[in-house]
Amino acid sequence: MKWSLIQLQKYRGKKVSIEQEIDVTEYLKEHNHDVRSASLVNVSGSMTVRQDSVSISLVLEGTFVLPCARTFEDVIYPYHIESIETYVDKEEKVLDETHHLMDGDKIDALPVIEELLLLEIPMQVYSDNVDNALSEGNDWNVITEEELEQQAKQAETKVDPRLAGLADFFDKKEN
């Protein structure tokens, strides 16, 4: 995703369409250890060349494979990112995070695409398959609210047999 300014000058004032697939799986795995895999990134959009800047309208689509926060099984997480990035020739023209300084006479969109993808990775994802969710472990298990209420009622009515004699203690003393 590199272009030379000399190459782009013939398109000055015109929109140039972009359609390309790139593989950034290794970069994503290296910078975010939750990423198990990623599809090729479908990069589409358009580029507008001006005398002192180049604006690129990007649309990124693909999928990440991330671990489920409950079960650690693979979850396919699709993404769709739209962004407008502007490359300028002088540092004082860099106004915000969507403005980037050109690298000499070249424009390299790959670092920006990688950054956009890293920002899109969610902190947690959950699998739709709840059958594989952990329901019990060492000294714990998952119960419904109804089961919890039922257990609480049983605990209220149940008296420890070692203390059953104390229930009648005050009744006997009054007699």
N, C-alpha and C. Protein backbone atom coordinates (compact mmCIF):
# COMPACT_ATOMS: atom_id res chain seq x y z
N MET A 1 0.83 -1.18 0.00
CA MET A 1 0.00 0.00 0.00
C MET A 1 0.88 1.25 0.00
N LYS A 2 1.89 1.24 -0.88
CA LYS A 2 2.78 2.39 -1.03
C LYS A 2 2.58 2.99 -2.42
N TRP A 3 2.63 4.32 -2.44
CA TRP A 3 2.53 5.02 -3.70
C TRP A 3 3.58 6.13 -3.73
N SER A 4 4.09 6.40 -4.89
CA SER A 4 5.03 7.49 -5.10
C SER A 4 4.24 8.73 -5.50
N LEU A 5 4.66 9.90 -5.02
CA LEU A 5 3.98 11.14 -5.39
C LEU A 5 4.08 11.39 -6.89
N ILE A 6 5.20 11.05 -7.46
CA ILE A 6 5.37 11.22 -8.91
C ILE A 6 4.35 10.37 -9.66
N GLN A 7 4.15 9.15 -9.17
CA GLN A 7 3.17 8.24 -9.77
C GLN A 7 1.76 8.80 -9.63
N LEU A 8 1.47 9.46 -8.49
CA LEU A 8 0.12 9.95 -8.22
C LEU A 8 -0.19 11.29 -8.87
N GLN A 9 0.83 12.07 -9.27
CA GLN A 9 0.59 13.40 -9.83
C GLN A 9 -0.25 13.36 -11.10
N LYS A 10 -0.18 12.28 -11.84
CA LYS A 10 -0.99 12.19 -13.07
C LYS A 10 -2.48 12.07 -12.76
N TYR A 11 -2.82 11.79 -11.49
CA TYR A 11 -4.22 11.68 -11.07
C TYR A 11 -4.69 12.91 -10.30
N ARG A 12 -3.93 14.01 -10.32
CA ARG A 12 -4.26 15.20 -9.54
C ARG A 12 -5.66 15.70 -9.89
N GLY A 13 -6.45 15.94 -8.85
CA GLY A 13 -7.81 16.43 -9.03
C GLY A 13 -8.82 15.35 -9.38
N LYS A 14 -8.40 14.11 -9.50
CA LYS A 14 -9.30 13.01 -9.84
C LYS A 14 -9.36 12.03 -8.68
N LYS A 15 -10.41 11.26 -8.64
CA LYS A 15 -10.52 10.19 -7.66
C LYS A 15 -9.97 8.91 -8.26
N VAL A 16 -9.13 8.25 -7.49
CA VAL A 16 -8.56 6.98 -7.92
C VAL A 16 -9.12 5.91 -6.99
N SER A 17 -9.71 4.87 -7.55
CA SER A 17 -10.27 3.82 -6.69
C SER A 17 -9.17 2.86 -6.23
N ILE A 18 -9.39 2.34 -5.04
CA ILE A 18 -8.45 1.40 -4.42
C ILE A 18 -9.21 0.11 -4.15
N GLU A 19 -8.64 -1.00 -4.50
CA GLU A 19 -9.21 -2.32 -4.22
C GLU A 19 -8.05 -3.28 -4.09
N GLN A 20 -7.82 -3.77 -2.87
CA GLN A 20 -6.68 -4.64 -2.63
C GLN A 20 -6.93 -5.49 -1.39
N GLU A 21 -6.31 -6.66 -1.36
CA GLU A 21 -6.34 -7.50 -0.16
C GLU A 21 -4.93 -7.57 0.40
N ILE A 22 -4.81 -7.38 1.72
CA ILE A 22 -3.50 -7.44 2.35
C ILE A 22 -3.55 -8.40 3.54
N ASP A 23 -2.40 -8.96 3.86
CA ASP A 23 -2.29 -9.90 4.97
C ASP A 23 -1.50 -9.24 6.09
N VAL A 24 -2.16 -8.97 7.21
CA VAL A 24 -1.50 -8.36 8.37
C VAL A 24 -1.62 -9.25 9.61
N THR A 25 -1.85 -10.54 9.39
CA THR A 25 -2.05 -11.47 10.50
C THR A 25 -0.87 -11.49 11.45
N GLU A 26 0.33 -11.61 10.93
CA GLU A 26 1.51 -11.69 11.79
C GLU A 26 1.70 -10.41 12.60
N TYR A 27 1.46 -9.26 11.99
CA TYR A 27 1.56 -7.99 12.70
C TYR A 27 0.56 -7.94 13.85
N LEU A 28 -0.69 -8.34 13.59
CA LEU A 28 -1.73 -8.31 14.62
C LEU A 28 -1.40 -9.28 15.76
N LYS A 29 -0.92 -10.48 15.43
CA LYS A 29 -0.56 -11.46 16.45
C LYS A 29 0.59 -10.94 17.33
N GLU A 30 1.52 -10.26 16.70
CA GLU A 30 2.67 -9.74 17.42
C GLU A 30 2.29 -8.61 18.38
N HIS A 31 1.33 -7.78 17.99
CA HIS A 31 0.97 -6.61 18.78
C HIS A 31 -0.25 -6.81 19.68
N ASN A 32 -1.00 -7.88 19.49
CA ASN A 32 -2.12 -8.19 20.37
C ASN A 32 -2.18 -9.71 20.49
N HIS A 33 -1.83 -10.22 21.66
CA HIS A 33 -1.70 -11.66 21.85
C HIS A 33 -3.04 -12.39 21.89
N ASP A 34 -4.14 -11.66 21.93
CA ASP A 34 -5.46 -12.30 21.87
C ASP A 34 -5.81 -12.75 20.46
N VAL A 35 -5.19 -12.16 19.46
CA VAL A 35 -5.51 -12.50 18.07
C VAL A 35 -4.91 -13.86 17.76
N ARG A 36 -5.77 -14.81 17.47
CA ARG A 36 -5.31 -16.16 17.11
C ARG A 36 -5.08 -16.27 15.60
N SER A 37 -5.91 -15.56 14.84
CA SER A 37 -5.79 -15.57 13.39
C SER A 37 -6.58 -14.38 12.86
N ALA A 38 -6.38 -14.11 11.59
CA ALA A 38 -7.13 -13.03 10.94
C ALA A 38 -7.23 -13.34 9.46
N SER A 39 -8.32 -12.92 8.88
CA SER A 39 -8.49 -13.10 7.44
C SER A 39 -7.69 -12.02 6.70
N LEU A 40 -7.62 -12.18 5.39
CA LEU A 40 -7.04 -11.10 4.59
C LEU A 40 -7.93 -9.87 4.75
N VAL A 41 -7.31 -8.71 4.79
CA VAL A 41 -8.06 -7.47 4.94
C VAL A 41 -8.43 -6.98 3.54
N ASN A 42 -9.72 -6.82 3.31
CA ASN A 42 -10.19 -6.27 2.05
C ASN A 42 -10.19 -4.75 2.17
N VAL A 43 -9.25 -4.11 1.49
CA VAL A 43 -9.11 -2.65 1.52
C VAL A 43 -9.73 -2.10 0.25
N SER A 44 -10.72 -1.23 0.43
CA SER A 44 -11.33 -0.57 -0.73
C SER A 44 -11.50 0.90 -0.39
N GLY A 45 -11.81 1.68 -1.39
CA GLY A 45 -12.01 3.10 -1.17
C GLY A 45 -11.54 3.90 -2.35
N SER A 46 -11.19 5.14 -2.05
CA SER A 46 -10.72 6.02 -3.12
C SER A 46 -9.65 6.97 -2.59
N MET A 47 -8.90 7.53 -3.53
CA MET A 47 -7.82 8.42 -3.20
C MET A 47 -7.99 9.69 -4.04
N THR A 48 -7.86 10.86 -3.39
CA THR A 48 -7.93 12.13 -4.08
C THR A 48 -6.59 12.83 -3.93
N VAL A 49 -5.96 13.15 -5.07
CA VAL A 49 -4.63 13.76 -5.07
C VAL A 49 -4.77 15.25 -5.30
N ARG A 50 -4.18 16.03 -4.37
CA ARG A 50 -4.12 17.49 -4.51
C ARG A 50 -2.65 17.90 -4.60
N GLN A 51 -2.40 19.18 -4.75
CA GLN A 51 -1.02 19.65 -4.92
C GLN A 51 -0.16 19.38 -3.68
N ASP A 52 -0.70 19.61 -2.48
CA ASP A 52 0.10 19.46 -1.27
C ASP A 52 -0.40 18.37 -0.32
N SER A 53 -1.40 17.60 -0.74
CA SER A 53 -1.93 16.54 0.12
C SER A 53 -2.59 15.44 -0.71
N VAL A 54 -2.77 14.32 -0.05
CA VAL A 54 -3.48 13.19 -0.65
C VAL A 54 -4.46 12.68 0.40
N SER A 55 -5.74 12.62 0.06
CA SER A 55 -6.76 12.10 0.96
C SER A 55 -7.16 10.70 0.51
N ILE A 56 -7.19 9.81 1.47
CA ILE A 56 -7.56 8.42 1.17
C ILE A 56 -8.78 8.06 2.00
N SER A 57 -9.83 7.68 1.33
CA SER A 57 -11.04 7.19 1.99
C SER A 57 -10.95 5.67 2.01
N LEU A 58 -10.83 5.10 3.22
CA LEU A 58 -10.60 3.66 3.36
C LEU A 58 -11.83 2.95 3.90
N VAL A 59 -12.06 1.76 3.40
CA VAL A 59 -13.04 0.84 3.96
C VAL A 59 -12.31 -0.48 4.15
N LEU A 60 -12.22 -0.93 5.42
CA LEU A 60 -11.52 -2.17 5.74
C LEU A 60 -12.54 -3.19 6.21
N GLU A 61 -12.48 -4.39 5.64
CA GLU A 61 -13.40 -5.46 6.03
C GLU A 61 -12.64 -6.77 6.17
N GLY A 62 -13.04 -7.56 7.14
CA GLY A 62 -12.43 -8.86 7.36
C GLY A 62 -12.90 -9.43 8.67
N THR A 63 -12.15 -10.41 9.18
CA THR A 63 -12.51 -11.05 10.44
C THR A 63 -11.26 -11.30 11.28
N PHE A 64 -11.45 -11.27 12.59
CA PHE A 64 -10.44 -11.69 13.56
C PHE A 64 -10.92 -13.00 14.17
N VAL A 65 -9.99 -13.85 14.59
CA VAL A 65 -10.33 -15.02 15.40
C VAL A 65 -9.76 -14.74 16.78
N LEU A 66 -10.66 -14.62 17.77
CA LEU A 66 -10.30 -14.24 19.13
C LEU A 66 -10.82 -15.28 20.11
N PRO A 67 -10.25 -15.37 21.32
CA PRO A 67 -10.75 -16.34 22.29
C PRO A 67 -12.00 -15.83 23.01
N CYS A 68 -12.93 -16.74 23.24
CA CYS A 68 -14.12 -16.41 24.02
C CYS A 68 -13.69 -16.12 25.47
N ALA A 69 -14.27 -15.11 26.07
CA ALA A 69 -13.89 -14.73 27.43
C ALA A 69 -14.35 -15.76 28.47
N ARG A 70 -15.34 -16.59 28.14
CA ARG A 70 -15.83 -17.61 29.07
C ARG A 70 -15.20 -18.97 28.84
N THR A 71 -15.08 -19.37 27.58
CA THR A 71 -14.70 -20.75 27.29
C THR A 71 -13.36 -20.90 26.58
N PHE A 72 -12.78 -19.81 26.14
CA PHE A 72 -11.52 -19.80 25.40
C PHE A 72 -11.60 -20.49 24.04
N GLU A 73 -12.79 -20.80 23.56
CA GLU A 73 -12.87 -21.36 22.22
C GLU A 73 -12.84 -20.22 21.22
N ASP A 74 -12.51 -20.53 19.97
CA ASP A 74 -12.36 -19.52 18.93
C ASP A 74 -13.69 -18.85 18.61
N VAL A 75 -13.65 -17.53 18.49
CA VAL A 75 -14.81 -16.74 18.10
C VAL A 75 -14.40 -15.92 16.87
N ILE A 76 -15.18 -16.01 15.83
CA ILE A 76 -14.91 -15.21 14.62
C ILE A 76 -15.61 -13.87 14.79
N TYR A 77 -14.81 -12.81 14.80
CA TYR A 77 -15.31 -11.45 15.02
C TYR A 77 -15.15 -10.64 13.72
N PRO A 78 -16.26 -10.34 13.04
CA PRO A 78 -16.15 -9.55 11.80
C PRO A 78 -16.00 -8.06 12.12
N TYR A 79 -15.34 -7.34 11.21
CA TYR A 79 -15.21 -5.89 11.38
C TYR A 79 -15.44 -5.19 10.05
N HIS A 80 -15.85 -3.95 10.17
CA HIS A 80 -16.05 -3.06 9.03
C HIS A 80 -15.62 -1.68 9.53
N ILE A 81 -14.53 -1.17 8.98
CA ILE A 81 -13.97 0.10 9.42
C ILE A 81 -13.98 1.08 8.26
N GLU A 82 -14.46 2.28 8.52
CA GLU A 82 -14.42 3.35 7.52
C GLU A 82 -13.62 4.50 8.10
N SER A 83 -12.70 5.03 7.30
CA SER A 83 -11.85 6.11 7.77
C SER A 83 -11.38 6.96 6.61
N ILE A 84 -11.17 8.24 6.89
CA ILE A 84 -10.59 9.14 5.90
C ILE A 84 -9.26 9.63 6.46
N GLU A 85 -8.18 9.29 5.76
CA GLU A 85 -6.83 9.65 6.18
C GLU A 85 -6.25 10.63 5.17
N THR A 86 -5.54 11.64 5.67
CA THR A 86 -4.94 12.66 4.82
C THR A 86 -3.44 12.67 5.02
N TYR A 87 -2.72 12.64 3.92
CA TYR A 87 -1.25 12.70 3.94
C TYR A 87 -0.83 14.08 3.45
N VAL A 88 -0.03 14.77 4.27
CA VAL A 88 0.41 16.13 3.93
C VAL A 88 1.92 16.16 3.79
N ASP A 89 2.42 17.22 3.10
CA ASP A 89 3.85 17.29 2.82
C ASP A 89 4.65 18.02 3.90
N LYS A 90 4.01 18.79 4.77
CA LYS A 90 4.73 19.55 5.80
C LYS A 90 4.16 19.22 7.17
N GLU A 91 5.06 19.16 8.16
CA GLU A 91 4.67 18.76 9.51
C GLU A 91 3.67 19.72 10.15
N GLU A 92 3.75 20.99 9.84
CA GLU A 92 2.82 21.96 10.44
C GLU A 92 1.40 21.80 9.93
N LYS A 93 1.20 21.02 8.88
CA LYS A 93 -0.14 20.76 8.36
C LYS A 93 -0.81 19.56 9.02
N VAL A 94 -0.06 18.86 9.88
CA VAL A 94 -0.62 17.72 10.59
C VAL A 94 -1.51 18.28 11.71
N LEU A 95 -2.83 18.16 11.54
CA LEU A 95 -3.78 18.77 12.47
C LEU A 95 -4.25 17.83 13.56
N ASP A 96 -4.46 16.56 13.23
CA ASP A 96 -4.96 15.59 14.21
C ASP A 96 -4.49 14.20 13.81
N GLU A 97 -5.09 13.18 14.43
CA GLU A 97 -4.63 11.80 14.20
C GLU A 97 -5.01 11.26 12.82
N THR A 98 -5.83 11.97 12.08
CA THR A 98 -6.16 11.53 10.72
C THR A 98 -5.26 12.17 9.67
N HIS A 99 -4.36 13.04 10.09
CA HIS A 99 -3.39 13.66 9.19
C HIS A 99 -2.02 13.04 9.44
N HIS A 100 -1.34 12.67 8.36
CA HIS A 100 -0.05 12.00 8.47
C HIS A 100 0.95 12.69 7.57
N LEU A 101 2.19 12.68 7.99
CA LEU A 101 3.26 13.28 7.22
C LEU A 101 3.73 12.29 6.16
N MET A 102 3.89 12.77 4.94
CA MET A 102 4.39 11.91 3.87
C MET A 102 5.84 11.53 4.16
N ASP A 103 6.19 10.34 3.76
CA ASP A 103 7.56 9.85 3.94
C ASP A 103 8.38 10.25 2.71
N GLY A 104 8.91 11.46 2.75
CA GLY A 104 9.65 11.96 1.59
C GLY A 104 8.70 12.16 0.42
N ASP A 105 8.90 11.42 -0.64
CA ASP A 105 8.01 11.51 -1.79
C ASP A 105 7.14 10.27 -1.93
N LYS A 106 6.95 9.58 -0.80
CA LYS A 106 6.14 8.35 -0.82
C LYS A 106 5.01 8.43 0.21
N ILE A 107 3.95 7.70 -0.07
CA ILE A 107 2.83 7.55 0.86
C ILE A 107 2.71 6.07 1.16
N ASP A 108 2.74 5.75 2.45
CA ASP A 108 2.61 4.36 2.88
C ASP A 108 1.39 4.25 3.79
N ALA A 109 0.33 3.63 3.32
CA ALA A 109 -0.91 3.52 4.08
C ALA A 109 -0.92 2.31 5.01
N LEU A 110 0.03 1.38 4.86
CA LEU A 110 0.02 0.16 5.66
C LEU A 110 0.10 0.42 7.17
N PRO A 111 0.99 1.29 7.68
CA PRO A 111 1.01 1.54 9.13
C PRO A 111 -0.32 2.09 9.67
N VAL A 112 -0.99 2.90 8.88
CA VAL A 112 -2.28 3.46 9.31
C VAL A 112 -3.34 2.36 9.35
N ILE A 113 -3.33 1.49 8.35
CA ILE A 113 -4.28 0.38 8.31
C ILE A 113 -4.04 -0.55 9.51
N GLU A 114 -2.79 -0.85 9.80
CA GLU A 114 -2.47 -1.71 10.95
C GLU A 114 -2.95 -1.09 12.25
N GLU A 115 -2.78 0.21 12.40
CA GLU A 115 -3.23 0.89 13.61
C GLU A 115 -4.75 0.87 13.74
N LEU A 116 -5.44 1.11 12.63
CA LEU A 116 -6.91 1.06 12.65
C LEU A 116 -7.40 -0.32 13.04
N LEU A 117 -6.74 -1.36 12.55
CA LEU A 117 -7.14 -2.73 12.89
C LEU A 117 -6.89 -3.03 14.36
N LEU A 118 -5.75 -2.61 14.89
CA LEU A 118 -5.46 -2.84 16.30
C LEU A 118 -6.48 -2.16 17.20
N LEU A 119 -6.90 -0.96 16.82
CA LEU A 119 -7.89 -0.24 17.61
C LEU A 119 -9.27 -0.90 17.55
N GLU A 120 -9.53 -1.68 16.53
CA GLU A 120 -10.83 -2.32 16.35
C GLU A 120 -10.98 -3.61 17.15
N ILE A 121 -9.88 -4.18 17.62
CA ILE A 121 -9.94 -5.46 18.35
C ILE A 121 -10.60 -5.24 19.70
N PRO A 122 -11.70 -5.94 19.98
CA PRO A 122 -12.39 -5.75 21.27
C PRO A 122 -11.61 -6.40 22.42
N MET A 123 -11.86 -5.91 23.62
CA MET A 123 -11.18 -6.47 24.79
C MET A 123 -11.71 -7.86 25.13
N GLN A 124 -13.02 -8.09 24.92
CA GLN A 124 -13.62 -9.39 25.20
C GLN A 124 -14.64 -9.71 24.12
N VAL A 125 -14.72 -10.97 23.77
CA VAL A 125 -15.79 -11.46 22.90
C VAL A 125 -16.37 -12.71 23.55
N TYR A 126 -17.62 -13.00 23.22
CA TYR A 126 -18.29 -14.16 23.79
C TYR A 126 -18.83 -15.04 22.68
N SER A 127 -18.68 -16.32 22.86
CA SER A 127 -19.19 -17.29 21.90
C SER A 127 -20.70 -17.39 22.03
N ASP A 128 -21.36 -17.62 20.92
CA ASP A 128 -22.81 -17.83 20.96
C ASP A 128 -23.15 -19.22 21.46
N ASN A 129 -22.18 -20.11 21.46
CA ASN A 129 -22.38 -21.49 21.88
C ASN A 129 -22.25 -21.57 23.41
N VAL A 130 -23.41 -21.51 24.11
CA VAL A 130 -23.39 -21.56 25.58
C VAL A 130 -23.34 -22.99 26.11
N ASP A 131 -23.48 -23.98 25.23
CA ASP A 131 -23.43 -25.36 25.68
C ASP A 131 -22.05 -25.72 26.20
N ASN A 132 -21.02 -25.11 25.65
CA ASN A 132 -19.66 -25.40 26.08
C ASN A 132 -19.19 -24.51 27.22
N ALA A 133 -20.05 -23.63 27.69
CA ALA A 133 -19.67 -22.74 28.79
C ALA A 133 -19.46 -23.57 30.06
N LEU A 134 -18.50 -23.18 30.83
CA LEU A 134 -18.23 -23.90 32.08
C LEU A 134 -19.42 -23.75 33.01
N SER A 135 -19.91 -24.87 33.54
CA SER A 135 -21.05 -24.80 34.44
C SER A 135 -20.68 -25.24 35.85
N GLU A 136 -19.50 -25.83 36.00
CA GLU A 136 -19.06 -26.18 37.34
C GLU A 136 -17.55 -26.37 37.34
N GLY A 137 -17.00 -26.25 38.53
CA GLY A 137 -15.56 -26.40 38.68
C GLY A 137 -15.26 -26.93 40.06
N ASN A 138 -14.07 -26.68 40.52
CA ASN A 138 -13.64 -27.15 41.83
C ASN A 138 -14.33 -26.31 42.90
N ASP A 139 -15.26 -26.89 43.62
CA ASP A 139 -16.01 -26.26 44.71
C ASP A 139 -16.97 -25.16 44.27
N TRP A 140 -17.42 -25.17 43.02
CA TRP A 140 -18.41 -24.20 42.57
C TRP A 140 -19.21 -24.78 41.42
N ASN A 141 -20.41 -24.24 41.22
CA ASN A 141 -21.23 -24.57 40.06
C ASN A 141 -22.19 -23.42 39.79
N VAL A 142 -22.66 -23.34 38.56
CA VAL A 142 -23.58 -22.29 38.16
C VAL A 142 -24.99 -22.77 38.41
N ILE A 143 -25.79 -21.93 39.05
CA ILE A 143 -27.19 -22.26 39.31
C ILE A 143 -28.05 -21.09 38.86
N THR A 144 -29.33 -21.37 38.64
CA THR A 144 -30.26 -20.31 38.25
C THR A 144 -30.73 -19.58 39.50
N GLU A 145 -31.39 -18.46 39.30
CA GLU A 145 -31.91 -17.69 40.43
C GLU A 145 -32.98 -18.47 41.18
N GLU A 146 -33.79 -19.25 40.45
CA GLU A 146 -34.83 -20.05 41.10
C GLU A 146 -34.21 -21.10 42.02
N GLU A 147 -33.12 -21.72 41.53
CA GLU A 147 -32.43 -22.72 42.37
C GLU A 147 -31.82 -22.06 43.60
N LEU A 148 -31.33 -20.86 43.46
CA LEU A 148 -30.75 -20.14 44.60
C LEU A 148 -31.82 -19.83 45.64
N GLU A 149 -32.99 -19.37 45.19
CA GLU A 149 -34.09 -19.09 46.12
C GLU A 149 -34.56 -20.36 46.82
N GLN A 150 -34.62 -21.45 46.09
CA GLN A 150 -35.03 -22.73 46.66
C GLN A 150 -34.03 -23.19 47.73
N GLN A 151 -32.76 -23.05 47.45
CA GLN A 151 -31.72 -23.42 48.43
C GLN A 151 -31.81 -22.54 49.67
N ALA A 152 -32.13 -21.26 49.52
CA ALA A 152 -32.24 -20.35 50.65
C ALA A 152 -33.43 -20.74 51.54
N LYS A 153 -34.56 -21.13 50.93
CA LYS A 153 -35.73 -21.55 51.70
C LYS A 153 -35.44 -22.84 52.47
N GLN A 154 -34.75 -23.76 51.83
CA GLN A 154 -34.41 -25.01 52.50
C GLN A 154 -33.46 -24.76 53.67
N ALA A 155 -32.55 -23.84 53.52
CA ALA A 155 -31.59 -23.54 54.58
C ALA A 155 -32.30 -22.91 55.78
N GLU A 156 -33.36 -22.11 55.56
CA GLU A 156 -34.11 -21.49 56.64
C GLU A 156 -34.86 -22.53 57.47
N THR A 157 -35.48 -23.49 56.81
CA THR A 157 -36.30 -24.46 57.53
C THR A 157 -35.48 -25.58 58.14
N LYS A 158 -34.34 -25.85 57.64
CA LYS A 158 -33.51 -26.92 58.14
C LYS A 158 -32.78 -26.48 59.41
N VAL A 159 -32.89 -27.27 60.46
CA VAL A 159 -32.22 -26.96 61.72
C VAL A 159 -31.12 -27.99 61.92
N ASP A 160 -29.98 -27.53 62.34
CA ASP A 160 -28.85 -28.41 62.61
C ASP A 160 -29.24 -29.38 63.73
N PRO A 161 -29.13 -30.70 63.52
CA PRO A 161 -29.56 -31.66 64.54
C PRO A 161 -28.80 -31.51 65.86
N ARG A 162 -27.60 -31.00 65.82
CA ARG A 162 -26.84 -30.82 67.06
C ARG A 162 -27.43 -29.69 67.90
N LEU A 163 -28.14 -28.77 67.24
CA LEU A 163 -28.73 -27.64 67.97
C LEU A 163 -30.24 -27.78 68.16
N ALA A 164 -30.82 -28.88 67.74
CA ALA A 164 -32.28 -29.07 67.81
C ALA A 164 -32.77 -29.03 69.26
N GLY A 165 -31.98 -29.51 70.19
CA GLY A 165 -32.38 -29.50 71.60
C GLY A 165 -32.46 -28.10 72.17
N LEU A 166 -31.73 -27.16 71.66
CA LEU A 166 -31.76 -25.79 72.16
C LEU A 166 -33.06 -25.07 71.83
N ALA A 167 -33.78 -25.52 70.82
CA ALA A 167 -35.04 -24.88 70.46
C ALA A 167 -36.04 -24.98 71.60
N ASP A 168 -36.01 -26.01 72.36
CA ASP A 168 -36.94 -26.21 73.48
C ASP A 168 -36.36 -25.72 74.80
N PHE A 169 -35.16 -25.22 74.85
CA PHE A 169 -34.48 -24.86 76.08
C PHE A 169 -35.26 -23.81 76.89
N PHE A 170 -35.68 -22.72 76.24
CA PHE A 170 -36.37 -21.65 76.97
C PHE A 170 -37.77 -22.08 77.38
N ASP A 171 -38.41 -22.93 76.59
CA ASP A 171 -39.75 -23.42 76.96
C ASP A 171 -39.67 -24.24 78.24
N LYS A 172 -38.68 -25.08 78.42
CA LYS A 172 -38.52 -25.93 79.60
C LYS A 172 -38.16 -25.09 80.82
N LYS A 173 -37.39 -24.03 80.64
CA LYS A 173 -36.92 -23.21 81.76
C LYS A 173 -38.07 -22.43 82.37
N GLU A 174 -39.01 -21.98 81.58
CA GLU A 174 -40.15 -21.22 82.09
C GLU A 174 -41.06 -22.11 82.92
N ASN A 175 -41.12 -23.36 82.64
CA ASN A 175 -42.01 -24.28 83.39
C ASN A 175 -41.41 -24.62 84.68
